[in-house]
């Protein structure tokens, strides 16, 4: 699959990545899993990048990237910098209510109509536990209906109408599969946007509430090393974490990250 990217270099947004200090050579050397996530429109793992501030300083901080397009089909790159907490006031485009912000903070998934780049669509919203930014995906992209049908076929079960509706709304449901409790639901942190866990709804809630930084004293992410390759290392030390938390993106882009 590596040859695919070499044969189609236009797939990677080189110019936009360069703004973050990821020049063409560095972009081409990204791990295949990261390139695949980026090209499919998924959110990447944490990456340490360099941003030029308005005063000319270069700020190194960890963030996640997502490739998307505007209403005219022009490629755009969204950067989600690390923040201390979810700040509902920054999500003006998402128009989060206090109740929605509270639900996101609890690890719940919210479904609502959101206008992105002039187009209003139904989206699932979820708080990323590492960056405290709101990630989102169109409801139609998660393909829940097919996933539910596959589950029923494989496990020889039949979900009730109410259960299916709950899952469509982004709420997890508890099932009994071969005598064992299983919980399923939307989870945008997963590549497919859907997750199945062994356990009841209390176990689902426990896992969703887990704070990433409580389990991992220091974040692990991708760093470009002196060996001229990307490696997984600590990407948030005290200094870079403080810079990330104090970094203020342009006001017009505070809703869901920095658009490049």
C-alpha atoms as a PDB file:
ATOM      1  CA  UNK A   1       0.000   0.000   0.000  1.00  0.00           C
ATOM      2  CA  UNK A   2       2.987   2.268   0.463  1.00  0.00           C
ATOM      3  CA  UNK A   3       3.299   2.564  -3.310  1.00  0.00           C
ATOM      4  CA  UNK A   4      -0.227   3.981  -3.548  1.00  0.00           C
ATOM      5  CA  UNK A   5       0.833   7.206  -1.854  1.00  0.00           C
ATOM      6  CA  UNK A   6       3.959   7.478  -3.951  1.00  0.00           C
ATOM      7  CA  UNK A   7       1.968   7.023  -7.150  1.00  0.00           C
ATOM      8  CA  UNK A   8      -0.617   9.577  -6.040  1.00  0.00           C
ATOM      9  CA  UNK A   9       1.326  12.251  -4.139  1.00  0.00           C
ATOM     10  CA  UNK A  10      -1.499  14.738  -4.638  1.00  0.00           C
ATOM     11  CA  UNK A  11      -3.532  12.803  -2.086  1.00  0.00           C
ATOM     12  CA  UNK A  12      -1.578  14.246   0.841  1.00  0.00           C
ATOM     13  CA  UNK A  13      -2.142  17.987   1.583  1.00  0.00           C
ATOM     14  CA  UNK A  14       1.558  18.841   1.447  1.00  0.00           C
ATOM     15  CA  UNK A  15       1.186  22.625   1.437  1.00  0.00           C
ATOM     16  CA  UNK A  16      -1.092  22.605   4.458  1.00  0.00           C
ATOM     17  CA  UNK A  17       1.093  20.137   6.334  1.00  0.00           C
ATOM     18  CA  UNK A  18       4.095  22.378   5.649  1.00  0.00           C
ATOM     19  CA  UNK A  19       2.391  25.155   7.631  1.00  0.00           C
ATOM     20  CA  UNK A  20       2.737  22.866  10.649  1.00  0.00           C
ATOM     21  CA  UNK A  21       6.395  22.213   9.949  1.00  0.00           C
ATOM     22  CA  UNK A  22       5.713  18.859   8.278  1.00  0.00           C
ATOM     23  CA  UNK A  23       7.574  19.228   5.004  1.00  0.00           C
ATOM     24  CA  UNK A  24       7.007  16.878   2.049  1.00  0.00           C
ATOM     25  CA  UNK A  25       9.746  14.435   3.061  1.00  0.00           C
ATOM     26  CA  UNK A  26       8.395  14.224   6.608  1.00  0.00           C
ATOM     27  CA  UNK A  27       4.841  13.802   5.325  1.00  0.00           C
ATOM     28  CA  UNK A  28       5.883  10.941   3.020  1.00  0.00           C
ATOM     29  CA  UNK A  29       7.644   9.211   5.937  1.00  0.00           C
ATOM     30  CA  UNK A  30       4.557   9.264   8.174  1.00  0.00           C
ATOM     31  CA  UNK A  31       3.554   5.766   9.334  1.00  0.00           C
ATOM     32  CA  UNK A  32       1.115   4.137   6.924  1.00  0.00           C
ATOM     33  CA  UNK A  33      -1.605   3.961   9.586  1.00  0.00           C
ATOM     34  CA  UNK A  34      -1.436   7.745  10.021  1.00  0.00           C
ATOM     35  CA  UNK A  35      -1.556   8.438   6.278  1.00  0.00           C
ATOM     36  CA  UNK A  36      -4.516   6.111   5.894  1.00  0.00           C
ATOM     37  CA  UNK A  37      -6.398   7.843   8.692  1.00  0.00           C
ATOM     38  CA  UNK A  38      -5.596  11.255   7.272  1.00  0.00           C
ATOM     39  CA  UNK A  39      -6.659  10.367   3.731  1.00  0.00           C
ATOM     40  CA  UNK A  40      -9.884   8.723   4.905  1.00  0.00           C
ATOM     41  CA  UNK A  41     -10.924  11.829   6.829  1.00  0.00           C
ATOM     42  CA  UNK A  42     -10.388  10.254  10.256  1.00  0.00           C
ATOM     43  CA  UNK A  43      -8.678  11.955  13.183  1.00  0.00           C
ATOM     44  CA  UNK A  44      -4.979  11.071  13.467  1.00  0.00           C
ATOM     45  CA  UNK A  45      -3.111  10.099  16.636  1.00  0.00           C
ATOM     46  CA  UNK A  46      -1.366  12.890  18.549  1.00  0.00           C
ATOM     47  CA  UNK A  47       1.488  14.469  16.588  1.00  0.00           C
ATOM     48  CA  UNK A  48       4.051  17.000  17.727  1.00  0.00           C
ATOM     49  CA  UNK A  49       4.203  19.883  15.250  1.00  0.00           C
ATOM     50  CA  UNK A  50       5.555  23.408  14.971  1.00  0.00           C
ATOM     51  CA  UNK A  51       3.291  26.438  14.447  1.00  0.00           C
ATOM     52  CA  UNK A  52       4.384  29.975  13.632  1.00  0.00           C
ATOM     53  CA  UNK A  53       2.758  32.440  16.033  1.00  0.00           C
ATOM     54  CA  UNK A  54       1.724  35.949  15.012  1.00  0.00           C
ATOM     55  CA  UNK A  55       4.737  37.457  16.757  1.00  0.00           C
ATOM     56  CA  UNK A  56       7.092  35.260  14.756  1.00  0.00           C
ATOM     57  CA  UNK A  57       7.799  32.720  17.489  1.00  0.00           C
ATOM     58  CA  UNK A  58       7.682  29.029  16.652  1.00  0.00           C
ATOM     59  CA  UNK A  59       5.473  27.066  19.021  1.00  0.00           C
ATOM     60  CA  UNK A  60       5.891  23.321  19.364  1.00  0.00           C
ATOM     61  CA  UNK A  61       2.797  21.562  20.590  1.00  0.00           C
ATOM     62  CA  UNK A  62       0.883  18.298  20.305  1.00  0.00           C
ATOM     63  CA  UNK A  63      -2.310  18.116  18.287  1.00  0.00           C
ATOM     64  CA  UNK A  64      -4.405  15.834  16.113  1.00  0.00           C
ATOM     65  CA  UNK A  65      -5.147  16.354  12.431  1.00  0.00           C
ATOM     66  CA  UNK A  66      -8.159  15.686  10.249  1.00  0.00           C
ATOM     67  CA  UNK A  67      -8.420  16.117   6.498  1.00  0.00           C
ATOM     68  CA  UNK A  68     -11.713  17.392   5.110  1.00  0.00           C
ATOM     69  CA  UNK A  69     -13.096  19.505   2.267  1.00  0.00           C
ATOM     70  CA  UNK A  70     -15.123  22.701   2.165  1.00  0.00           C
ATOM     71  CA  UNK A  71     -18.468  23.112   0.364  1.00  0.00           C
ATOM     72  CA  UNK A  72     -16.583  23.668  -2.915  1.00  0.00           C
ATOM     73  CA  UNK A  73     -14.609  20.454  -2.542  1.00  0.00           C
ATOM     74  CA  UNK A  74     -11.342  22.249  -1.744  1.00  0.00           C
ATOM     75  CA  UNK A  75      -9.139  20.204   0.649  1.00  0.00           C
ATOM     76  CA  UNK A  76      -8.801  21.588   4.168  1.00  0.00           C
ATOM     77  CA  UNK A  77      -6.812  20.450   7.181  1.00  0.00           C
ATOM     78  CA  UNK A  78      -8.188  20.804  10.709  1.00  0.00           C
ATOM     79  CA  UNK A  79      -5.845  20.818  13.714  1.00  0.00           C
ATOM     80  CA  UNK A  80      -7.122  19.945  17.187  1.00  0.00           C
ATOM     81  CA  UNK A  81      -4.664  21.331  19.792  1.00  0.00           C
ATOM     82  CA  UNK A  82      -4.539  19.999  23.338  1.00  0.00           C
ATOM     83  CA  UNK A  83      -6.717  21.938  25.785  1.00  0.00           C
ATOM     84  CA  UNK A  84      -7.278  21.604  29.524  1.00  0.00           C
ATOM     85  CA  UNK A  85     -11.058  21.250  29.311  1.00  0.00           C
ATOM     86  CA  UNK A  86     -13.897  21.553  26.832  1.00  0.00           C
ATOM     87  CA  UNK A  87     -14.719  25.227  26.421  1.00  0.00           C
ATOM     88  CA  UNK A  88     -18.269  25.474  25.089  1.00  0.00           C
ATOM     89  CA  UNK A  89     -17.763  29.143  24.191  1.00  0.00           C
ATOM     90  CA  UNK A  90     -15.213  28.157  21.570  1.00  0.00           C
ATOM     91  CA  UNK A  91     -17.714  25.976  19.766  1.00  0.00           C
ATOM     92  CA  UNK A  92     -19.788  28.743  18.203  1.00  0.00           C
ATOM     93  CA  UNK A  93     -20.289  26.954  14.902  1.00  0.00           C
ATOM     94  CA  UNK A  94     -21.447  23.823  16.716  1.00  0.00           C
ATOM     95  CA  UNK A  95     -23.796  25.969  18.851  1.00  0.00           C
ATOM     96  CA  UNK A  96     -23.407  23.750  21.899  1.00  0.00           C
ATOM     97  CA  UNK A  97     -25.926  24.284  24.653  1.00  0.00           C
ATOM     98  CA  UNK A  98     -24.821  23.938  28.276  1.00  0.00           C
ATOM     99  CA  UNK A  99     -26.620  20.614  28.433  1.00  0.00           C
ATOM    100  CA  UNK A 100     -24.873  19.322  25.290  1.00  0.00           C
ATOM    101  CA  UNK A 101     -21.479  20.467  26.582  1.00  0.00           C
ATOM    102  CA  UNK A 102     -22.182  18.707  29.877  1.00  0.00           C
ATOM    103  CA  UNK A 103     -23.149  15.495  28.071  1.00  0.00           C
ATOM    104  CA  UNK A 104     -19.990  15.626  25.946  1.00  0.00           C
ATOM    105  CA  UNK A 105     -17.935  16.165  29.086  1.00  0.00           C
ATOM    106  CA  UNK A 106     -19.409  12.967  30.527  1.00  0.00           C
ATOM    107  CA  UNK A 107     -18.251  10.995  27.502  1.00  0.00           C
ATOM    108  CA  UNK A 108     -21.639  10.832  25.788  1.00  0.00           C
ATOM    109  CA  UNK A 109     -22.240  11.166  22.053  1.00  0.00           C
ATOM    110  CA  UNK A 110     -24.524  13.993  20.897  1.00  0.00           C
ATOM    111  CA  UNK A 111     -26.373  13.996  17.577  1.00  0.00           C
ATOM    112  CA  UNK A 112     -27.458  17.330  16.136  1.00  0.00           C
ATOM    113  CA  UNK A 113     -27.725  19.319  12.914  1.00  0.00           C
ATOM    114  CA  UNK A 114     -24.515  21.282  12.397  1.00  0.00           C
ATOM    115  CA  UNK A 115     -23.572  23.724   9.670  1.00  0.00           C
ATOM    116  CA  UNK A 116     -20.041  23.104   8.475  1.00  0.00           C
ATOM    117  CA  UNK A 117     -18.650  25.148   5.575  1.00  0.00           C
ATOM    118  CA  UNK A 118     -22.111  26.341   4.601  1.00  0.00           C
ATOM    119  CA  UNK A 119     -23.708  22.888   4.580  1.00  0.00           C
ATOM    120  CA  UNK A 120     -26.044  21.746   7.351  1.00  0.00           C
ATOM    121  CA  UNK A 121     -25.991  18.022   8.095  1.00  0.00           C
ATOM    122  CA  UNK A 122     -26.782  15.690  10.997  1.00  0.00           C
ATOM    123  CA  UNK A 123     -23.559  14.935  12.840  1.00  0.00           C
ATOM    124  CA  UNK A 124     -22.418  12.846  15.770  1.00  0.00           C
ATOM    125  CA  UNK A 125     -20.343  14.918  18.208  1.00  0.00           C
ATOM    126  CA  UNK A 126     -17.945  13.489  20.767  1.00  0.00           C
ATOM    127  CA  UNK A 127     -15.242  14.895  23.022  1.00  0.00           C
ATOM    128  CA  UNK A 128     -11.745  13.636  22.234  1.00  0.00           C
ATOM    129  CA  UNK A 129     -10.238  12.584  25.594  1.00  0.00           C
ATOM    130  CA  UNK A 130      -6.691  13.604  24.694  1.00  0.00           C
ATOM    131  CA  UNK A 131      -7.188  17.038  23.143  1.00  0.00           C
ATOM    132  CA  UNK A 132     -10.523  18.001  24.788  1.00  0.00           C
ATOM    133  CA  UNK A 133     -11.661  19.107  21.309  1.00  0.00           C
ATOM    134  CA  UNK A 134     -15.012  18.131  19.803  1.00  0.00           C
ATOM    135  CA  UNK A 135     -14.610  15.644  16.965  1.00  0.00           C
ATOM    136  CA  UNK A 136     -17.538  14.976  14.702  1.00  0.00           C
ATOM    137  CA  UNK A 137     -18.665  12.843  11.794  1.00  0.00           C
ATOM    138  CA  UNK A 138     -21.702  12.833   9.555  1.00  0.00           C
ATOM    139  CA  UNK A 139     -24.345  10.389  10.718  1.00  0.00           C
ATOM    140  CA  UNK A 140     -24.429   8.791   7.271  1.00  0.00           C
ATOM    141  CA  UNK A 141     -20.675   8.125   7.348  1.00  0.00           C
ATOM    142  CA  UNK A 142     -20.903   5.834  10.372  1.00  0.00           C
ATOM    143  CA  UNK A 143     -23.180   3.408   8.453  1.00  0.00           C
ATOM    144  CA  UNK A 144     -24.924   2.228  11.589  1.00  0.00           C
ATOM    145  CA  UNK A 145     -27.715   0.389   9.799  1.00  0.00           C
ATOM    146  CA  UNK A 146     -25.295  -2.011   8.126  1.00  0.00           C
ATOM    147  CA  UNK A 147     -23.330  -2.541  11.340  1.00  0.00           C
ATOM    148  CA  UNK A 148     -26.487  -3.395  13.253  1.00  0.00           C
ATOM    149  CA  UNK A 149     -27.582  -5.850  10.547  1.00  0.00           C
ATOM    150  CA  UNK A 150     -24.141  -7.492  10.606  1.00  0.00           C
ATOM    151  CA  UNK A 151     -24.317  -7.849  14.390  1.00  0.00           C
ATOM    152  CA  UNK A 152     -27.745  -9.472  14.217  1.00  0.00           C
ATOM    153  CA  UNK A 153     -26.634 -11.897  11.516  1.00  0.00           C
ATOM    154  CA  UNK A 154     -23.342 -12.913  13.141  1.00  0.00           C
ATOM    155  CA  UNK A 155     -24.749 -13.283  16.662  1.00  0.00           C
ATOM    156  CA  UNK A 156     -28.164 -14.634  15.643  1.00  0.00           C
ATOM    157  CA  UNK A 157     -30.027 -11.941  17.599  1.00  0.00           C
ATOM    158  CA  UNK A 158     -32.673  -9.367  16.819  1.00  0.00           C
ATOM    159  CA  UNK A 159     -32.501  -5.834  18.149  1.00  0.00           C
ATOM    160  CA  UNK A 160     -35.766  -4.207  19.134  1.00  0.00           C
ATOM    161  CA  UNK A 161     -37.038  -1.052  17.442  1.00  0.00           C
ATOM    162  CA  UNK A 162     -36.310   1.012  20.561  1.00  0.00           C
ATOM    163  CA  UNK A 163     -32.779  -0.358  20.843  1.00  0.00           C
ATOM    164  CA  UNK A 164     -32.012   0.474  17.214  1.00  0.00           C
ATOM    165  CA  UNK A 165     -33.358   3.994  17.666  1.00  0.00           C
ATOM    166  CA  UNK A 166     -31.201   4.515  20.760  1.00  0.00           C
ATOM    167  CA  UNK A 167     -28.078   3.493  18.855  1.00  0.00           C
ATOM    168  CA  UNK A 168     -29.004   5.808  15.964  1.00  0.00           C
ATOM    169  CA  UNK A 169     -29.267   8.678  18.449  1.00  0.00           C
ATOM    170  CA  UNK A 170     -25.744   7.939  19.676  1.00  0.00           C
ATOM    171  CA  UNK A 171     -26.792   6.186  22.889  1.00  0.00           C
ATOM    172  CA  UNK A 172     -25.249   2.817  23.787  1.00  0.00           C
ATOM    173  CA  UNK A 173     -27.450  -0.237  24.307  1.00  0.00           C
ATOM    174  CA  UNK A 174     -26.934  -3.426  26.281  1.00  0.00           C
ATOM    175  CA  UNK A 175     -27.470  -6.796  24.604  1.00  0.00           C
ATOM    176  CA  UNK A 176     -27.442 -10.411  25.688  1.00  0.00           C
ATOM    177  CA  UNK A 177     -25.282 -12.449  23.338  1.00  0.00           C
ATOM    178  CA  UNK A 178     -24.957 -16.169  24.080  1.00  0.00           C
ATOM    179  CA  UNK A 179     -25.636 -15.527  27.762  1.00  0.00           C
ATOM    180  CA  UNK A 180     -23.090 -12.702  28.066  1.00  0.00           C
ATOM    181  CA  UNK A 181     -23.757  -8.986  28.360  1.00  0.00           C
ATOM    182  CA  UNK A 182     -22.424  -6.889  25.493  1.00  0.00           C
ATOM    183  CA  UNK A 183     -22.749  -3.133  24.993  1.00  0.00           C
ATOM    184  CA  UNK A 184     -22.656  -1.450  21.585  1.00  0.00           C
ATOM    185  CA  UNK A 185     -22.837   2.122  20.407  1.00  0.00           C
ATOM    186  CA  UNK A 186     -21.328   5.031  18.504  1.00  0.00           C
ATOM    187  CA  UNK A 187     -17.719   5.878  19.390  1.00  0.00           C
ATOM    188  CA  UNK A 188     -15.982   8.315  17.044  1.00  0.00           C
ATOM    189  CA  UNK A 189     -12.607   7.481  18.587  1.00  0.00           C
ATOM    190  CA  UNK A 190     -12.850   4.146  16.801  1.00  0.00           C
ATOM    191  CA  UNK A 191     -11.852   4.090  13.091  1.00  0.00           C
ATOM    192  CA  UNK A 192     -15.264   2.699  12.105  1.00  0.00           C
ATOM    193  CA  UNK A 193     -17.140   5.070  14.448  1.00  0.00           C
ATOM    194  CA  UNK A 194     -18.746   2.152  16.280  1.00  0.00           C
ATOM    195  CA  UNK A 195     -17.673   0.087  19.293  1.00  0.00           C
ATOM    196  CA  UNK A 196     -18.603  -3.227  20.915  1.00  0.00           C
ATOM    197  CA  UNK A 197     -17.436  -4.042  24.450  1.00  0.00           C
ATOM    198  CA  UNK A 198     -17.837  -7.014  26.767  1.00  0.00           C
ATOM    199  CA  UNK A 199     -19.928  -5.826  29.698  1.00  0.00           C
ATOM    200  CA  UNK A 200     -23.071  -3.984  30.683  1.00  0.00           C
ATOM    201  CA  UNK A 201     -23.900  -0.280  30.338  1.00  0.00           C
ATOM    202  CA  UNK A 202     -22.123   0.499  33.616  1.00  0.00           C
ATOM    203  CA  UNK A 203     -18.926  -0.876  32.083  1.00  0.00           C
ATOM    204  CA  UNK A 204     -19.548   1.168  28.917  1.00  0.00           C
ATOM    205  CA  UNK A 205     -20.016   4.334  31.001  1.00  0.00           C
ATOM    206  CA  UNK A 206     -16.925   3.569  33.062  1.00  0.00           C
ATOM    207  CA  UNK A 207     -14.770   3.234  29.967  1.00  0.00           C
ATOM    208  CA  UNK A 208     -16.190   6.388  28.384  1.00  0.00           C
ATOM    209  CA  UNK A 209     -15.537   8.417  31.545  1.00  0.00           C
ATOM    210  CA  UNK A 210     -11.940   7.306  31.891  1.00  0.00           C
ATOM    211  CA  UNK A 211      -9.674  10.333  31.607  1.00  0.00           C
ATOM    212  CA  UNK A 212      -6.810   9.611  29.264  1.00  0.00           C
ATOM    213  CA  UNK A 213      -4.327  11.662  31.289  1.00  0.00           C
ATOM    214  CA  UNK A 214      -5.240   9.771  34.465  1.00  0.00           C
ATOM    215  CA  UNK A 215      -4.299   6.482  32.843  1.00  0.00           C
ATOM    216  CA  UNK A 216      -1.252   7.906  31.051  1.00  0.00           C
ATOM    217  CA  UNK A 217       0.812  10.425  33.055  1.00  0.00           C
ATOM    218  CA  UNK A 218       2.313  11.653  29.797  1.00  0.00           C
ATOM    219  CA  UNK A 219       0.739  11.426  26.354  1.00  0.00           C
ATOM    220  CA  UNK A 220       2.313   9.224  23.745  1.00  0.00           C
ATOM    221  CA  UNK A 221       2.306  10.386  20.164  1.00  0.00           C
ATOM    222  CA  UNK A 222       4.312  10.737  16.981  1.00  0.00           C
ATOM    223  CA  UNK A 223       7.524  12.768  17.039  1.00  0.00           C
ATOM    224  CA  UNK A 224       9.986  13.339  14.191  1.00  0.00           C
ATOM    225  CA  UNK A 225      13.310  12.144  15.627  1.00  0.00           C
ATOM    226  CA  UNK A 226      16.941  12.824  14.765  1.00  0.00           C
ATOM    227  CA  UNK A 227      16.882   9.490  12.960  1.00  0.00           C
ATOM    228  CA  UNK A 228      14.712  11.263  10.359  1.00  0.00           C
ATOM    229  CA  UNK A 229      11.698   9.103  11.047  1.00  0.00           C
ATOM    230  CA  UNK A 230       8.475   9.304  13.008  1.00  0.00           C
ATOM    231  CA  UNK A 231       8.514   7.443  16.320  1.00  0.00           C
ATOM    232  CA  UNK A 232       6.095   7.096  19.218  1.00  0.00           C
ATOM    233  CA  UNK A 233       7.424   9.107  22.138  1.00  0.00           C
ATOM    234  CA  UNK A 234       6.214  11.381  24.902  1.00  0.00           C
ATOM    235  CA  UNK A 235       4.786  14.402  23.132  1.00  0.00           C
ATOM    236  CA  UNK A 236       3.453  16.412  26.069  1.00  0.00           C
ATOM    237  CA  UNK A 237       5.997  17.548  28.599  1.00  0.00           C
ATOM    238  CA  UNK A 238       5.108  20.280  31.082  1.00  0.00           C
ATOM    239  CA  UNK A 239       6.308  23.126  28.872  1.00  0.00           C
ATOM    240  CA  UNK A 240       4.604  22.010  25.649  1.00  0.00           C
ATOM    241  CA  UNK A 241       1.438  21.166  27.580  1.00  0.00           C
ATOM    242  CA  UNK A 242       1.296  24.691  28.999  1.00  0.00           C
ATOM    243  CA  UNK A 243       1.883  26.167  25.551  1.00  0.00           C
ATOM    244  CA  UNK A 244      -0.871  24.013  24.106  1.00  0.00           C
ATOM    245  CA  UNK A 245      -3.331  25.070  26.780  1.00  0.00           C
ATOM    246  CA  UNK A 246      -2.495  28.740  26.368  1.00  0.00           C
ATOM    247  CA  UNK A 247      -2.555  28.686  22.579  1.00  0.00           C
ATOM    248  CA  UNK A 248      -5.507  30.647  21.172  1.00  0.00           C
ATOM    249  CA  UNK A 249      -6.460  29.831  17.556  1.00  0.00           C
ATOM    250  CA  UNK A 250      -8.079  32.486  15.340  1.00  0.00           C
ATOM    251  CA  UNK A 251     -11.574  33.350  16.584  1.00  0.00           C
ATOM    252  CA  UNK A 252     -13.350  32.327  13.396  1.00  0.00           C
ATOM    253  CA  UNK A 253     -11.954  28.808  13.694  1.00  0.00           C
ATOM    254  CA  UNK A 254     -12.410  28.196  17.401  1.00  0.00           C
ATOM    255  CA  UNK A 255     -15.438  25.984  16.854  1.00  0.00           C
ATOM    256  CA  UNK A 256     -13.723  22.718  16.034  1.00  0.00           C
ATOM    257  CA  UNK A 257     -10.019  23.377  15.660  1.00  0.00           C
ATOM    258  CA  UNK A 258      -7.672  25.369  13.491  1.00  0.00           C
ATOM    259  CA  UNK A 259      -8.509  25.111   9.799  1.00  0.00           C
ATOM    260  CA  UNK A 260      -5.493  25.398   7.481  1.00  0.00           C
END
